[in-house]
Amino acid sequence: MDYQNILVTREEDIAIITFNRPKVLNALNRATMAELSAAIDELASDENVRCIILTGAGEKAFVAGADIRELQAIESAAEGAAFAAQGQSILFKIENLSKPVLAAINGYALGGGCELAMACDIRIAADTAKLGQPEINLGIIPGYGGTQRLPRLVGKGYAKWLILSGDMISAQEALRIGLVEMVVPAEELMAKARELAHRIARKAPLAVACAKTSINVGSETDLGTGCAYEASQFGLVCATEDRVEGTTAFLEKRPAQFKGK
């Protein structure tokens, strides 16, 4: 696909999706969201890609929110609900993808950008990054899952603080409350993201997929149900060639060569 608003690059066993609208701080408009959805579908079917990184072009922004002109043009409750549901469906696609998705937050991650990062599996932020859900300042609320994923990550109190005040916080504060997993110097961000992505990509792909799914499913249910689901996924990976290769390589004291079978 010929993308106009994003860049998709492949580096060995990983892929990088870069939001490429730096003049508008990589704001998410409908066209960009459609391209993101298509890129995720493309990479999902690429057997050579085992991990994906999302980041933003330029030094100022990861994604600084939605396109305000598109929000201004919404004329009814039904149109607004449809707008939100469409965006949510794309973020669910990222969250439920069998391949891990890392967010390399290189600058502002606000509104839809923060929601996008929260749909990823691991968030690495530059020490210069700023995060927040400032929709309240526009007379609206988060619509791409922010009111749901944020409290699941940081707790209801912190989520209400950020969403009700519209405050923007530093990467360091985001790390403290659990909104991001790592903070690194800005100049080291992509190197760190690539290193982690390649490290994950070298693991057994089916085991990675089952582990991701087990965490996602288990975090939304009770412990007993979650453990039962984990047992079913454990059974699936025990039947793979990668399990045979992994255990054999360990006993033979050599690196495992996983094939995703």
Protein backbone atom coordinates (compact mmCIF):
# COMPACT_ATOMS: atom_id res chain seq x y z
CA MET A 1 0.00 0.00 0.00
CA ASP A 2 1.18 3.51 -0.80
CA TYR A 3 0.93 5.25 2.57
CA GLN A 4 0.66 9.04 2.70
CA ASN A 5 0.53 9.68 6.45
CA ILE A 6 2.69 6.92 7.91
CA LEU A 7 5.97 5.22 7.10
CA VAL A 8 6.33 1.43 7.34
CA THR A 9 9.85 0.02 7.44
CA ARG A 10 11.16 -3.47 8.10
CA GLU A 11 14.43 -4.25 9.85
CA GLU A 12 15.19 -7.96 9.92
CA ASP A 13 12.53 -9.48 12.19
CA ILE A 14 10.82 -6.24 13.30
CA ALA A 15 8.80 -3.47 11.66
CA ILE A 16 8.51 0.21 12.52
CA ILE A 17 5.38 2.26 11.86
CA THR A 18 6.14 5.99 12.00
CA PHE A 19 3.37 8.57 12.10
CA ASN A 20 4.60 11.02 9.50
CA ARG A 21 2.69 14.28 9.90
CA PRO A 22 5.24 16.29 11.89
CA LYS A 23 3.83 19.68 10.80
CA VAL A 24 0.65 18.90 12.77
CA LEU A 25 2.48 16.98 15.52
CA ASN A 26 1.43 13.68 13.92
CA ALA A 27 -2.24 14.27 14.75
CA LEU A 28 -4.57 11.37 13.99
CA ASN A 29 -7.08 12.12 11.26
CA ARG A 30 -9.37 9.57 9.61
CA ALA A 31 -6.92 8.97 6.77
CA THR A 32 -4.06 8.28 9.16
CA MET A 33 -6.17 5.87 11.21
CA ALA A 34 -7.20 4.02 8.04
CA GLU A 35 -3.56 3.69 7.00
CA LEU A 36 -2.61 2.48 10.48
CA SER A 37 -5.31 -0.19 10.28
CA ALA A 38 -4.09 -1.31 6.86
CA ALA A 39 -0.47 -1.40 8.04
CA ILE A 40 -1.35 -3.56 11.03
CA ASP A 41 -3.17 -5.99 8.72
CA GLU A 42 -0.18 -6.03 6.38
CA LEU A 43 2.31 -6.74 9.16
CA ALA A 44 0.06 -9.28 10.85
CA SER A 45 0.29 -11.50 7.76
CA ASP A 46 4.06 -11.01 7.27
CA GLU A 47 5.72 -14.08 8.79
CA ASN A 48 9.10 -12.35 8.79
CA VAL A 49 7.87 -9.64 11.19
CA ARG A 50 7.67 -10.76 14.79
CA CYS A 51 7.50 -7.45 16.66
CA ILE A 52 6.30 -3.94 15.78
CA ILE A 53 7.31 -0.48 17.01
CA LEU A 54 5.08 2.59 16.76
CA THR A 55 6.71 6.02 16.90
CA GLY A 56 6.33 9.56 15.58
CA ALA A 57 8.28 11.57 13.02
CA GLY A 58 10.29 14.53 14.28
CA GLU A 59 11.41 15.33 17.80
CA LYS A 60 8.27 17.00 19.15
CA ALA A 61 5.50 14.43 19.04
CA PHE A 62 4.64 10.77 19.13
CA VAL A 63 1.01 11.63 18.38
CA ALA A 64 -0.34 14.87 19.83
CA GLY A 65 -4.00 13.89 19.61
CA ALA A 66 -6.81 13.76 17.11
CA ASP A 67 -7.38 16.20 14.25
CA ILE A 68 -9.32 19.01 15.94
CA ARG A 69 -10.96 20.09 12.68
CA GLU A 70 -12.48 16.64 12.30
CA LEU A 71 -13.75 16.77 15.88
CA GLN A 72 -15.23 20.22 15.27
CA ALA A 73 -17.14 18.90 12.27
CA ILE A 74 -19.05 16.27 14.28
CA GLU A 75 -22.71 17.34 14.32
CA SER A 76 -24.61 14.71 16.33
CA ALA A 77 -24.34 12.20 19.15
CA ALA A 78 -24.68 9.34 16.67
CA GLU A 79 -21.88 10.70 14.50
CA GLY A 80 -19.66 11.15 17.55
CA ALA A 81 -20.32 7.62 18.77
CA ALA A 82 -19.51 6.21 15.33
CA PHE A 83 -16.29 8.27 15.22
CA ALA A 84 -15.19 6.87 18.58
CA ALA A 85 -16.18 3.29 17.75
CA GLN A 86 -14.18 3.34 14.53
CA GLY A 87 -11.05 4.48 16.34
CA GLN A 88 -11.59 1.99 19.13
CA SER A 89 -11.81 -0.87 16.63
CA ILE A 90 -8.36 -0.02 15.27
CA LEU A 91 -6.83 0.19 18.73
CA PHE A 92 -8.39 -3.18 19.61
CA LYS A 93 -6.70 -4.55 16.49
CA ILE A 94 -3.34 -3.43 17.91
CA GLU A 95 -4.10 -4.71 21.41
CA ASN A 96 -5.27 -8.11 20.17
CA LEU A 97 -2.59 -8.60 17.52
CA SER A 98 -0.67 -11.83 18.10
CA LYS A 99 2.60 -9.93 17.62
CA PRO A 100 3.83 -7.59 20.37
CA VAL A 101 3.58 -3.87 19.66
CA LEU A 102 5.91 -1.39 21.39
CA ALA A 103 5.26 2.34 21.64
CA ALA A 104 8.43 4.45 21.35
CA ILE A 105 7.07 7.73 22.71
CA ASN A 106 9.39 10.39 21.35
CA GLY A 107 7.42 13.49 22.37
CA TYR A 108 3.84 14.54 23.02
CA ALA A 109 1.44 11.60 23.49
CA LEU A 110 -1.82 13.39 24.12
CA GLY A 111 -5.46 12.45 23.68
CA GLY A 112 -5.65 9.88 20.91
CA GLY A 113 -1.88 9.58 21.01
CA CYS A 114 -1.93 8.56 24.66
CA GLU A 115 -4.79 6.17 23.93
CA LEU A 116 -2.80 4.69 21.06
CA ALA A 117 0.21 4.15 23.32
CA MET A 118 -1.99 2.48 25.94
CA ALA A 119 -3.22 -0.04 23.35
CA CYS A 120 0.39 -1.14 22.82
CA ASP A 121 1.98 -3.89 24.89
CA ILE A 122 5.00 -1.97 26.20
CA ARG A 123 5.57 1.77 26.36
CA ILE A 124 9.09 3.25 26.25
CA ALA A 125 9.22 7.03 26.63
CA ALA A 126 11.92 9.56 25.91
CA ASP A 127 12.81 11.62 28.97
CA THR A 128 11.43 14.65 27.12
CA ALA A 129 8.02 13.09 26.41
CA LYS A 130 4.75 14.48 27.76
CA LEU A 131 1.58 12.44 28.18
CA GLY A 132 -2.02 13.24 28.97
CA GLN A 133 -5.72 13.10 28.14
CA PRO A 134 -6.63 16.76 27.62
CA GLU A 135 -9.98 16.16 25.87
CA ILE A 136 -11.86 17.78 28.77
CA ASN A 137 -10.38 21.11 27.65
CA LEU A 138 -12.29 20.74 24.37
CA GLY A 139 -15.57 19.95 26.08
CA ILE A 140 -15.35 16.23 25.26
CA ILE A 141 -13.98 13.05 26.82
CA PRO A 142 -11.48 10.45 25.57
CA GLY A 143 -13.13 8.37 22.86
CA TYR A 144 -10.53 5.82 21.79
CA GLY A 145 -10.59 3.82 25.04
CA GLY A 146 -8.88 6.31 27.33
CA THR A 147 -11.49 6.14 30.10
CA GLN A 148 -11.12 2.35 30.11
CA ARG A 149 -7.43 1.59 29.55
CA LEU A 150 -6.03 4.39 31.71
CA PRO A 151 -7.63 3.22 34.99
CA ARG A 152 -6.62 -0.35 34.19
CA LEU A 153 -3.01 0.79 33.90
CA VAL A 154 -2.70 3.38 36.67
CA GLY A 155 -5.80 2.96 38.87
CA LYS A 156 -9.02 4.93 39.05
CA GLY A 157 -7.65 7.81 41.09
CA TYR A 158 -4.77 8.69 38.78
CA ALA A 159 -7.02 8.15 35.76
CA LYS A 160 -9.64 10.54 37.10
CA TRP A 161 -6.96 13.10 37.91
CA LEU A 162 -5.58 13.07 34.37
CA ILE A 163 -8.90 12.87 32.53
CA LEU A 164 -10.89 15.32 34.69
CA SER A 165 -8.13 17.93 34.93
CA GLY A 166 -6.69 17.54 31.45
CA ASP A 167 -3.24 17.82 33.04
CA MET A 168 -0.19 16.88 31.01
CA ILE A 169 2.51 14.92 32.85
CA SER A 170 6.19 14.25 32.30
CA ALA A 171 7.64 10.93 31.24
CA GLN A 172 9.09 10.53 34.72
CA GLU A 173 5.67 11.01 36.33
CA ALA A 174 4.15 8.61 33.81
CA LEU A 175 6.73 6.02 34.86
CA ARG A 176 5.96 6.59 38.54
CA ILE A 177 2.24 5.96 38.14
CA GLY A 178 2.65 3.03 35.72
CA LEU A 179 1.58 4.65 32.47
CA VAL A 180 4.91 3.79 30.81
CA GLU A 181 7.33 0.96 31.52
CA MET A 182 10.64 2.68 30.70
CA VAL A 183 12.09 6.17 30.38
CA VAL A 184 15.33 6.65 28.49
CA PRO A 185 17.30 9.65 27.20
CA ALA A 186 15.65 10.96 24.03
CA GLU A 187 18.71 10.24 21.90
CA GLU A 188 18.63 6.57 23.01
CA LEU A 189 14.92 5.96 22.53
CA MET A 190 14.87 4.21 19.18
CA ALA A 191 18.00 2.21 19.91
CA LYS A 192 16.42 0.92 23.13
CA ALA A 193 13.11 0.19 21.39
CA ARG A 194 14.86 -1.65 18.57
CA GLU A 195 16.99 -3.66 21.00
CA LEU A 196 13.96 -4.80 22.98
CA ALA A 197 11.91 -5.49 19.85
CA HIS A 198 14.66 -7.64 18.33
CA ARG A 199 15.10 -9.48 21.64
CA ILE A 200 11.39 -10.30 21.78
CA ALA A 201 11.37 -11.21 18.08
CA ARG A 202 13.98 -13.91 18.68
CA LYS A 203 11.72 -15.73 21.12
CA ALA A 204 9.30 -18.47 20.05
CA PRO A 205 6.55 -16.61 18.15
CA LEU A 206 3.73 -18.93 19.16
CA ALA A 207 4.73 -18.76 22.81
CA VAL A 208 4.93 -14.96 22.61
CA ALA A 209 1.44 -14.83 21.08
CA CYS A 210 -0.03 -17.18 23.68
CA ALA A 211 1.64 -15.28 26.53
CA LYS A 212 0.29 -11.96 25.26
CA THR A 213 -3.21 -13.37 24.87
CA SER A 214 -3.12 -15.00 28.29
CA ILE A 215 -2.15 -11.71 29.95
CA ASN A 216 -4.84 -9.78 28.05
CA VAL A 217 -7.58 -12.31 28.81
CA GLY A 218 -6.52 -12.92 32.41
CA SER A 219 -6.39 -9.23 33.30
CA GLU A 220 -10.09 -8.91 32.42
CA THR A 221 -11.37 -11.88 34.43
CA ASP A 222 -11.06 -13.59 37.83
CA LEU A 223 -7.93 -15.50 38.83
CA GLY A 224 -9.42 -18.96 38.45
CA THR A 225 -10.75 -18.30 34.96
CA GLY A 226 -7.48 -16.66 33.97
CA CYS A 227 -5.43 -19.61 35.19
CA ALA A 228 -7.69 -22.02 33.31
CA TYR A 229 -7.11 -20.02 30.15
CA GLU A 230 -3.36 -20.00 30.82
CA ALA A 231 -3.41 -23.80 31.15
CA SER A 232 -5.12 -24.12 27.77
CA GLN A 233 -2.51 -21.86 26.15
CA PHE A 234 0.29 -23.76 27.90
CA GLY A 235 -1.10 -26.92 26.37
CA LEU A 236 -1.07 -25.38 22.92
CA VAL A 237 2.59 -24.35 23.08
CA CYS A 238 3.57 -27.74 24.51
CA ALA A 239 2.40 -29.25 21.21
CA THR A 240 4.70 -27.07 19.07
CA GLU A 241 8.01 -27.79 17.39
CA ASP A 242 9.36 -24.66 19.09
CA ARG A 243 8.81 -26.29 22.50
CA VAL A 244 10.88 -29.28 21.41
CA GLU A 245 13.57 -26.97 20.00
CA GLY A 246 13.61 -24.72 23.06
CA THR A 247 13.93 -27.48 25.64
CA THR A 248 16.44 -29.40 23.53
CA ALA A 249 18.58 -26.31 22.95
CA PHE A 250 18.58 -25.59 26.69
CA LEU A 251 19.78 -29.09 27.53
CA GLU A 252 22.37 -28.95 24.75
CA LYS A 253 23.51 -25.52 25.98
CA ARG A 254 23.06 -23.79 22.63
CA PRO A 255 20.87 -20.92 21.35
CA ALA A 256 17.42 -22.05 20.27
CA GLN A 257 16.36 -21.55 16.66
CA PHE A 258 12.62 -20.92 16.79
CA LYS A 259 10.56 -21.25 13.60
CA GLY A 260 7.07 -20.42 14.79
CA LYS A 261 5.85 -23.99 14.34
